[in-house]
C-alpha atoms as a PDB file:
ATOM      1  CA  MET A   1    -118.805 136.122 265.894  1.00  0.00           C
ATOM      2  CA  LYS A   2    -115.775 138.133 267.061  1.00  0.00           C
ATOM      3  CA  ARG A   3    -114.508 137.347 270.549  1.00  0.00           C
ATOM      4  CA  LEU A   4    -115.017 140.094 273.133  1.00  0.00           C
ATOM      5  CA  PHE A   5    -111.831 139.189 275.026  1.00  0.00           C
ATOM      6  CA  THR A   6    -108.276 138.445 273.911  1.00  0.00           C
ATOM      7  CA  LEU A   7    -107.084 136.401 276.914  1.00  0.00           C
ATOM      8  CA  PRO A   8    -105.999 132.806 276.238  1.00  0.00           C
ATOM      9  CA  LEU A   9    -109.020 130.512 275.923  1.00  0.00           C
ATOM     10  CA  SER A  10    -107.806 128.329 278.792  1.00  0.00           C
ATOM     11  CA  LEU A  11    -107.857 131.296 281.179  1.00  0.00           C
ATOM     12  CA  LEU A  12    -111.265 132.339 279.888  1.00  0.00           C
ATOM     13  CA  LEU A  13    -112.637 128.845 280.559  1.00  0.00           C
ATOM     14  CA  ILE A  14    -111.403 128.975 284.149  1.00  0.00           C
ATOM     15  CA  ALA A  15    -112.918 132.439 284.546  1.00  0.00           C
ATOM     16  CA  LEU A  16    -116.230 131.222 283.113  1.00  0.00           C
ATOM     17  CA  LEU A  17    -116.416 128.306 285.543  1.00  0.00           C
ATOM     18  CA  LEU A  18    -115.702 130.691 288.424  1.00  0.00           C
ATOM     19  CA  LEU A  19    -118.400 133.035 287.098  1.00  0.00           C
ATOM     20  CA  LEU A  20    -120.887 130.154 286.976  1.00  0.00           C
ATOM     21  CA  GLY A  21    -120.090 129.319 290.588  1.00  0.00           C
ATOM     22  CA  VAL A  22    -120.538 132.919 291.710  1.00  0.00           C
ATOM     23  CA  MET A  23    -123.821 133.279 289.798  1.00  0.00           C
ATOM     24  CA  SER A  24    -125.100 130.068 291.359  1.00  0.00           C
ATOM     25  CA  LEU A  25    -124.161 131.153 294.873  1.00  0.00           C
ATOM     26  CA  ILE A  26    -125.863 134.544 294.456  1.00  0.00           C
ATOM     27  CA  TRP A  27    -129.067 133.020 293.077  1.00  0.00           C
ATOM     28  CA  ASN A  28    -129.182 130.356 295.778  1.00  0.00           C
ATOM     29  CA  PHE A  29    -128.749 133.011 298.467  1.00  0.00           C
ATOM     30  CA  ILE A  30    -131.708 134.909 296.983  1.00  0.00           C
ATOM     31  CA  ALA A  31    -133.752 131.701 296.642  1.00  0.00           C
ATOM     32  CA  LEU A  32    -133.053 130.800 300.264  1.00  0.00           C
ATOM     33  CA  GLY A  33    -134.772 134.021 301.362  1.00  0.00           C
ATOM     34  CA  LEU A  34    -137.644 133.745 298.904  1.00  0.00           C
ATOM     35  CA  TYR A  35    -138.589 130.128 299.628  1.00  0.00           C
ATOM     36  CA  PRO A  36    -140.465 130.717 302.924  1.00  0.00           C
ATOM     37  CA  LEU A  37    -142.066 133.939 301.666  1.00  0.00           C
ATOM     38  CA  LEU A  38    -143.637 132.950 298.353  1.00  0.00           C
ATOM     39  CA  PRO A  39    -146.664 130.697 297.763  1.00  0.00           C
ATOM     40  CA  ARG A  40    -145.772 127.433 296.062  1.00  0.00           C
ATOM     41  CA  GLU A  41    -146.914 128.377 292.544  1.00  0.00           C
ATOM     42  CA  HIS A  42    -145.240 131.785 292.611  1.00  0.00           C
ATOM     43  CA  GLY A  43    -142.039 130.313 293.988  1.00  0.00           C
ATOM     44  CA  LEU A  44    -142.046 127.554 291.385  1.00  0.00           C
ATOM     45  CA  ALA A  45    -142.518 129.962 288.473  1.00  0.00           C
ATOM     46  CA  LEU A  46    -139.932 132.451 289.738  1.00  0.00           C
ATOM     47  CA  GLY A  47    -137.485 129.731 290.698  1.00  0.00           C
ATOM     48  CA  ARG A  48    -137.572 128.053 287.295  1.00  0.00           C
ATOM     49  CA  ALA A  49    -137.412 131.359 285.422  1.00  0.00           C
ATOM     50  CA  GLY A  50    -134.441 132.479 287.535  1.00  0.00           C
ATOM     51  CA  ILE A  51    -132.514 129.288 286.772  1.00  0.00           C
ATOM     52  CA  THR A  52    -133.372 129.460 283.063  1.00  0.00           C
ATOM     53  CA  TYR A  53    -132.314 133.047 282.522  1.00  0.00           C
ATOM     54  CA  GLY A  54    -129.251 132.706 284.737  1.00  0.00           C
ATOM     55  CA  TYR A  55    -128.009 129.797 282.634  1.00  0.00           C
ATOM     56  CA  ARG A  56    -128.970 131.587 279.428  1.00  0.00           C
ATOM     57  CA  LEU A  57    -126.815 134.541 280.523  1.00  0.00           C
ATOM     58  CA  PHE A  58    -123.945 132.168 281.257  1.00  0.00           C
ATOM     59  CA  TRP A  59    -124.127 130.612 277.790  1.00  0.00           C
ATOM     60  CA  ALA A  60    -124.316 134.051 276.147  1.00  0.00           C
ATOM     61  CA  ILE A  61    -121.153 135.169 277.972  1.00  0.00           C
ATOM     62  CA  ALA A  62    -119.403 131.868 277.196  1.00  0.00           C
ATOM     63  CA  SER A  63    -120.230 132.240 273.506  1.00  0.00           C
ATOM     64  CA  ALA A  64    -119.081 135.870 273.426  1.00  0.00           C
ATOM     65  CA  CYS A  65    -115.758 134.770 274.959  1.00  0.00           C
ATOM     66  CA  GLY A  66    -115.352 132.158 272.238  1.00  0.00           C
ATOM     67  CA  VAL A  67    -114.797 129.329 274.746  1.00  0.00           C
ATOM     68  CA  LEU A  68    -118.102 127.405 274.840  1.00  0.00           C
ATOM     69  CA  LYS A  69    -120.399 127.417 271.839  1.00  0.00           C
ATOM     70  CA  LEU A  70    -123.956 126.146 272.188  1.00  0.00           C
ATOM     71  CA  ASP A  71    -126.716 125.925 269.610  1.00  0.00           C
ATOM     72  CA  ALA A  72    -129.904 124.825 271.408  1.00  0.00           C
ATOM     73  CA  ARG A  73    -132.392 126.875 269.385  1.00  0.00           C
ATOM     74  CA  ALA A  74    -134.246 123.709 268.393  1.00  0.00           C
ATOM     75  CA  LEU A  75    -135.846 123.717 271.850  1.00  0.00           C
ATOM     76  CA  ASP A  76    -137.377 127.177 271.525  1.00  0.00           C
ATOM     77  CA  ALA A  77    -140.461 125.999 269.646  1.00  0.00           C
ATOM     78  CA  LEU A  78    -141.371 123.688 272.559  1.00  0.00           C
ATOM     79  CA  ARG A  79    -140.677 125.978 275.515  1.00  0.00           C
ATOM     80  CA  ASP A  80    -144.351 126.701 276.196  1.00  0.00           C
ATOM     81  CA  GLU A  81    -145.827 123.262 275.466  1.00  0.00           C
ATOM     82  CA  PRO A  82    -147.330 121.936 278.723  1.00  0.00           C
ATOM     83  CA  GLY A  83    -147.008 118.393 280.048  1.00  0.00           C
ATOM     84  CA  LEU A  84    -143.998 117.367 277.956  1.00  0.00           C
ATOM     85  CA  ILE A  85    -141.097 115.093 278.951  1.00  0.00           C
ATOM     86  CA  PHE A  86    -137.690 115.828 277.415  1.00  0.00           C
ATOM     87  CA  VAL A  87    -135.403 112.813 277.337  1.00  0.00           C
ATOM     88  CA  ALA A  88    -131.748 113.380 276.384  1.00  0.00           C
ATOM     89  CA  ASN A  89    -128.420 111.613 276.194  1.00  0.00           C
ATOM     90  CA  HIS A  90    -125.827 112.676 278.774  1.00  0.00           C
ATOM     91  CA  PRO A  91    -122.296 113.296 277.441  1.00  0.00           C
ATOM     92  CA  SER A  92    -121.233 115.946 280.005  1.00  0.00           C
ATOM     93  CA  LEU A  93    -121.946 117.698 283.304  1.00  0.00           C
ATOM     94  CA  LEU A  94    -123.168 120.734 281.352  1.00  0.00           C
ATOM     95  CA  ASP A  95    -126.126 118.969 279.718  1.00  0.00           C
ATOM     96  CA  ALA A  96    -128.823 120.056 282.155  1.00  0.00           C
ATOM     97  CA  LEU A  97    -127.608 123.667 281.890  1.00  0.00           C
ATOM     98  CA  MET A  98    -128.062 123.521 278.120  1.00  0.00           C
ATOM     99  CA  LEU A  99    -131.633 122.267 278.205  1.00  0.00           C
ATOM    100  CA  VAL A 100    -132.941 124.240 281.179  1.00  0.00           C
ATOM    101  CA  ALA A 101    -131.544 127.459 279.672  1.00  0.00           C
ATOM    102  CA  ARG A 102    -134.151 127.105 276.903  1.00  0.00           C
ATOM    103  CA  LEU A 103    -137.041 125.622 278.905  1.00  0.00           C
ATOM    104  CA  PRO A 104    -138.301 128.021 281.620  1.00  0.00           C
ATOM    105  CA  LYS A 105    -141.175 125.731 282.653  1.00  0.00           C
ATOM    106  CA  SER A 106    -139.056 122.650 283.134  1.00  0.00           C
ATOM    107  CA  ALA A 107    -138.110 120.709 286.247  1.00  0.00           C
ATOM    108  CA  CYS A 108    -135.204 118.318 286.683  1.00  0.00           C
ATOM    109  CA  ILE A 109    -134.912 115.159 288.730  1.00  0.00           C
ATOM    110  CA  MET A 110    -131.932 115.625 291.046  1.00  0.00           C
ATOM    111  CA  LYS A 111    -129.907 113.482 293.385  1.00  0.00           C
ATOM    112  CA  ALA A 112    -131.227 114.055 296.892  1.00  0.00           C
ATOM    113  CA  GLY A 113    -127.803 115.077 298.186  1.00  0.00           C
ATOM    114  CA  LEU A 114    -127.671 118.004 295.758  1.00  0.00           C
ATOM    115  CA  MET A 115    -130.703 119.563 297.465  1.00  0.00           C
ATOM    116  CA  HIS A 116    -128.288 120.665 300.208  1.00  0.00           C
ATOM    117  CA  ASN A 117    -125.515 121.781 297.855  1.00  0.00           C
ATOM    118  CA  PRO A 118    -124.737 125.506 298.371  1.00  0.00           C
ATOM    119  CA  PHE A 119    -124.492 126.053 294.608  1.00  0.00           C
ATOM    120  CA  LEU A 120    -127.747 124.279 293.702  1.00  0.00           C
ATOM    121  CA  GLY A 121    -129.922 123.348 296.664  1.00  0.00           C
ATOM    122  CA  ALA A 122    -131.895 126.491 297.561  1.00  0.00           C
ATOM    123  CA  GLY A 123    -132.613 127.320 293.927  1.00  0.00           C
ATOM    124  CA  ALA A 124    -133.740 123.758 293.234  1.00  0.00           C
ATOM    125  CA  ARG A 125    -136.064 123.790 296.243  1.00  0.00           C
ATOM    126  CA  LEU A 126    -137.603 127.112 295.198  1.00  0.00           C
ATOM    127  CA  ALA A 127    -138.155 125.771 291.657  1.00  0.00           C
ATOM    128  CA  ARG A 128    -139.653 122.578 293.136  1.00  0.00           C
ATOM    129  CA  TYR A 129    -137.199 120.326 291.354  1.00  0.00           C
ATOM    130  CA  ILE A 130    -137.749 116.658 292.112  1.00  0.00           C
ATOM    131  CA  ARG A 131    -135.437 114.645 294.372  1.00  0.00           C
ATOM    132  CA  ASN A 132    -134.737 111.007 293.584  1.00  0.00           C
ATOM    133  CA  ASP A 133    -134.257 109.472 297.044  1.00  0.00           C
ATOM    134  CA  SER A 134    -137.663 107.744 296.981  1.00  0.00           C
ATOM    135  CA  PRO A 135    -138.707 106.131 293.666  1.00  0.00           C
ATOM    136  CA  HIS A 136    -142.396 106.287 294.669  1.00  0.00           C
ATOM    137  CA  GLY A 137    -142.150 109.931 295.707  1.00  0.00           C
ATOM    138  CA  MET A 138    -140.103 110.859 292.645  1.00  0.00           C
ATOM    139  CA  ILE A 139    -142.650 109.385 290.245  1.00  0.00           C
ATOM    140  CA  ARG A 140    -145.597 110.895 292.131  1.00  0.00           C
ATOM    141  CA  LEU A 141    -144.101 114.398 292.143  1.00  0.00           C
ATOM    142  CA  ALA A 142    -143.050 114.178 288.493  1.00  0.00           C
ATOM    143  CA  VAL A 143    -146.550 113.104 287.438  1.00  0.00           C
ATOM    144  CA  GLN A 144    -148.169 115.887 289.471  1.00  0.00           C
ATOM    145  CA  ASP A 145    -145.862 118.501 287.966  1.00  0.00           C
ATOM    146  CA  LEU A 146    -146.615 117.358 284.420  1.00  0.00           C
ATOM    147  CA  GLN A 147    -150.354 117.279 285.066  1.00  0.00           C
ATOM    148  CA  ARG A 148    -150.142 120.895 286.290  1.00  0.00           C
ATOM    149  CA  GLY A 149    -148.630 121.923 282.954  1.00  0.00           C
ATOM    150  CA  GLY A 150    -144.929 121.672 283.777  1.00  0.00           C
ATOM    151  CA  GLN A 151    -142.197 120.079 281.723  1.00  0.00           C
ATOM    152  CA  LEU A 152    -139.689 117.449 282.839  1.00  0.00           C
ATOM    153  CA  VAL A 153    -136.031 117.068 281.786  1.00  0.00           C
ATOM    154  CA  LEU A 154    -134.682 113.532 282.187  1.00  0.00           C
ATOM    155  CA  PHE A 155    -131.446 111.683 281.410  1.00  0.00           C
ATOM    156  CA  PRO A 156    -132.499 108.003 281.414  1.00  0.00           C
ATOM    157  CA  GLU A 157    -128.888 106.781 281.294  1.00  0.00           C
ATOM    158  CA  GLY A 158    -128.810 107.763 284.977  1.00  0.00           C
ATOM    159  CA  THR A 159    -125.226 109.026 284.736  1.00  0.00           C
ATOM    160  CA  ARG A 160    -122.961 110.471 282.096  1.00  0.00           C
ATOM    161  CA  THR A 161    -122.349 108.259 279.066  1.00  0.00           C
ATOM    162  CA  THR A 162    -119.627 105.668 279.515  1.00  0.00           C
ATOM    163  CA  HIS A 163    -120.733 103.060 276.947  1.00  0.00           C
ATOM    164  CA  ARG A 164    -120.987 104.480 273.454  1.00  0.00           C
ATOM    165  CA  PRO A 165    -123.326 105.569 272.045  1.00  0.00           C
ATOM    166  CA  VAL A 166    -125.490 105.464 275.237  1.00  0.00           C
ATOM    167  CA  ASN A 167    -125.608 103.578 278.528  1.00  0.00           C
ATOM    168  CA  PRO A 168    -128.479 101.154 279.162  1.00  0.00           C
ATOM    169  CA  PHE A 169    -131.592 103.137 280.095  1.00  0.00           C
ATOM    170  CA  ARG A 170    -132.999 102.980 283.600  1.00  0.00           C
ATOM    171  CA  PRO A 171    -136.742 102.458 284.106  1.00  0.00           C
ATOM    172  CA  GLY A 172    -138.970 105.241 285.342  1.00  0.00           C
ATOM    173  CA  VAL A 173    -139.387 107.658 282.464  1.00  0.00           C
ATOM    174  CA  THR A 174    -141.916 105.535 280.603  1.00  0.00           C
ATOM    175  CA  LEU A 175    -143.902 104.877 283.787  1.00  0.00           C
ATOM    176  CA  ILE A 176    -144.041 108.629 284.445  1.00  0.00           C
ATOM    177  CA  ALA A 177    -145.197 109.163 280.862  1.00  0.00           C
ATOM    178  CA  LYS A 178    -147.937 106.559 281.258  1.00  0.00           C
ATOM    179  CA  LEU A 179    -149.257 107.876 284.579  1.00  0.00           C
ATOM    180  CA  ALA A 180    -149.168 111.525 283.454  1.00  0.00           C
ATOM    181  CA  ALA A 181    -150.395 110.780 279.911  1.00  0.00           C
ATOM    182  CA  ALA A 182    -147.394 112.831 278.763  1.00  0.00           C
ATOM    183  CA  PRO A 183    -145.542 112.468 275.451  1.00  0.00           C
ATOM    184  CA  ILE A 184    -141.780 111.947 275.425  1.00  0.00           C
ATOM    185  CA  GLN A 185    -139.690 114.227 273.213  1.00  0.00           C
ATOM    186  CA  THR A 186    -136.233 112.848 272.457  1.00  0.00           C
ATOM    187  CA  VAL A 187    -133.333 115.304 272.440  1.00  0.00           C
ATOM    188  CA  PHE A 188    -129.820 114.636 271.166  1.00  0.00           C
ATOM    189  CA  ILE A 189    -126.853 116.538 272.609  1.00  0.00           C
ATOM    190  CA  ASP A 190    -123.863 116.463 270.261  1.00  0.00           C
ATOM    191  CA  THR A 191    -120.271 117.406 271.061  1.00  0.00           C
ATOM    192  CA  GLU A 192    -116.814 116.507 269.849  1.00  0.00           C
ATOM    193  CA  SER A 193    -115.241 117.302 273.222  1.00  0.00           C
ATOM    194  CA  PRO A 194    -114.817 114.889 276.155  1.00  0.00           C
ATOM    195  CA  TYR A 195    -114.712 117.754 278.673  1.00  0.00           C
ATOM    196  CA  LEU A 196    -116.712 117.053 281.854  1.00  0.00           C
ATOM    197  CA  GLY A 197    -117.713 113.656 280.590  1.00  0.00           C
ATOM    198  CA  LYS A 198    -117.545 110.720 282.994  1.00  0.00           C
ATOM    199  CA  GLY A 199    -114.006 110.478 284.328  1.00  0.00           C
ATOM    200  CA  TRP A 200    -112.831 113.893 283.074  1.00  0.00           C
ATOM    201  CA  PRO A 201    -111.954 116.163 286.033  1.00  0.00           C
ATOM    202  CA  ILE A 202    -113.006 119.789 285.904  1.00  0.00           C
ATOM    203  CA  TRP A 203    -109.410 121.057 286.225  1.00  0.00           C
ATOM    204  CA  ARG A 204    -108.101 119.161 283.161  1.00  0.00           C
ATOM    205  CA  LEU A 205    -108.456 121.624 280.327  1.00  0.00           C
ATOM    206  CA  PRO A 206    -109.563 120.283 276.923  1.00  0.00           C
ATOM    207  CA  PRO A 207    -108.874 121.585 273.428  1.00  0.00           C
ATOM    208  CA  LEU A 208    -110.801 124.825 272.989  1.00  0.00           C
ATOM    209  CA  PRO A 209    -113.290 126.080 271.958  1.00  0.00           C
ATOM    210  CA  ILE A 210    -115.867 123.444 272.939  1.00  0.00           C
ATOM    211  CA  ARG A 211    -118.966 123.188 270.771  1.00  0.00           C
ATOM    212  CA  PHE A 212    -122.318 121.705 271.706  1.00  0.00           C
ATOM    213  CA  SER A 213    -125.466 121.418 269.636  1.00  0.00           C
ATOM    214  CA  VAL A 214    -128.960 120.220 270.516  1.00  0.00           C
ATOM    215  CA  ARG A 215    -131.325 118.614 268.021  1.00  0.00           C
ATOM    216  CA  LEU A 216    -134.789 117.147 268.360  1.00  0.00           C
ATOM    217  CA  GLY A 217    -135.512 113.520 267.634  1.00  0.00           C
ATOM    218  CA  GLU A 218    -138.622 111.381 267.484  1.00  0.00           C
ATOM    219  CA  ARG A 219    -141.556 111.988 269.811  1.00  0.00           C
ATOM    220  CA  PHE A 220    -143.122 108.976 271.552  1.00  0.00           C
ATOM    221  CA  ALA A 221    -146.661 108.747 272.851  1.00  0.00           C
ATOM    222  CA  PRO A 222    -147.124 107.138 276.286  1.00  0.00           C
ATOM    223  CA  GLN A 223    -148.208 103.505 276.246  1.00  0.00           C
ATOM    224  CA  ASP A 224    -149.352 100.877 278.713  1.00  0.00           C
ATOM    225  CA  ASP A 225    -146.395  98.574 278.035  1.00  0.00           C
ATOM    226  CA  THR A 226    -143.735 100.704 279.688  1.00  0.00           C
ATOM    227  CA  HIS A 227    -140.956  98.153 279.186  1.00  0.00           C
ATOM    228  CA  ALA A 228    -141.559  97.999 275.443  1.00  0.00           C
ATOM    229  CA  LEU A 229    -141.552 101.792 275.224  1.00  0.00           C
ATOM    230  CA  LEU A 230    -138.294 101.974 277.184  1.00  0.00           C
ATOM    231  CA  ALA A 231    -136.714  99.537 274.717  1.00  0.00           C
ATOM    232  CA  ARG A 232    -137.912 101.682 271.802  1.00  0.00           C
ATOM    233  CA  LEU A 233    -136.453 104.801 273.425  1.00  0.00           C
ATOM    234  CA  GLU A 234    -133.095 103.140 274.000  1.00  0.00           C
ATOM    235  CA  ALA A 235    -133.010 101.886 270.412  1.00  0.00           C
ATOM    236  CA  CYS A 236    -133.810 105.395 269.179  1.00  0.00           C
ATOM    237  CA  PHE A 237    -130.831 106.830 271.049  1.00  0.00           C
ATOM    238  CA  ALA A 238    -128.528 103.968 270.119  1.00  0.00           C
ATOM    239  CA  ALA A 239    -129.270 104.703 266.459  1.00  0.00           C
ATOM    240  CA  GLY A 240    -129.358 108.509 266.644  1.00  0.00           C
ATOM    241  CA  ALA A 241    -126.752 109.616 269.207  1.00  0.00           C
ATOM    242  CA  ARG A 242    -123.449 110.743 267.739  1.00  0.00           C
ATOM    243  CA  PRO A 243    -120.609 109.205 269.754  1.00  0.00           C
ATOM    244  CA  SER A 244    -118.422 111.748 271.531  1.00  0.00           C
ATOM    245  CA  PRO A 245    -114.756 111.115 272.422  1.00  0.00           C
ATOM    246  CA  SER A 246    -113.942 109.036 275.470  1.00  0.00           C
ATOM    247  CA  ALA A 247    -113.675 111.121 278.638  1.00  0.00           C
ATOM    248  CA  SER A 248    -110.759 109.211 280.157  1.00  0.00           C
ATOM    249  CA  PRO A 249    -108.958 111.207 282.837  1.00  0.00           C
ATOM    250  CA  THR A 250    -105.653 110.125 281.306  1.00  0.00           C
ATOM    251  CA  ALA A 251    -106.560 111.550 277.921  1.00  0.00           C
ATOM    252  CA  SER A 252    -104.319 114.284 276.636  1.00  0.00           C
ATOM    253  CA  ALA A 253    -105.466 117.842 277.149  1.00  0.00           C
END
């Protein structure tokens, strides 16, 4: 596809990140006003749709600029399937944006502090995303959302990948699957770029363009032995994840 702009790719990447920040601020300002006005279900549906289509617009612009290329079409067939948990590896800060852009019914589990972030908080509250400050509360809310027909996006490494191919998985996802009777769909995010991986600052520009692709892996049914299922999930990712370059902050740009 021919690029729409002829500026250097490094300048276009900076402009795209600024655009993402502006889009997020505008949507969160709107969400802040809508939250007290809309009933829960209407707010949830509108909030999740707004985040999905905002991120989809961002990826379309990024692709047209020739800076960030994403192929996540594999998710489209599952966008309307209720009560499904998506579990993915976590190579970069952009991972949630990739998945949510294709899954308008999905919720994310977020760090509690981000619920007050001006770029994310109001939109996340409107969409009824799930905060992680209380393990009991997190699991309860995730199960309720799945039982109401929602979808859940989870990164069981808990943070961006630092040990290749994946970090040790944290417990929780398989317990949620058991309590909600929800299947777990594995998702692999592939990239050859270390940009925005753990330890790579946002201002250090990488080789461009950056390409991401999303592919579906094995689906796991919930089971009573949650520890055994977690071990199977981790083994699946250890065997199937394609290692991306190290995101050392001292790496050459």
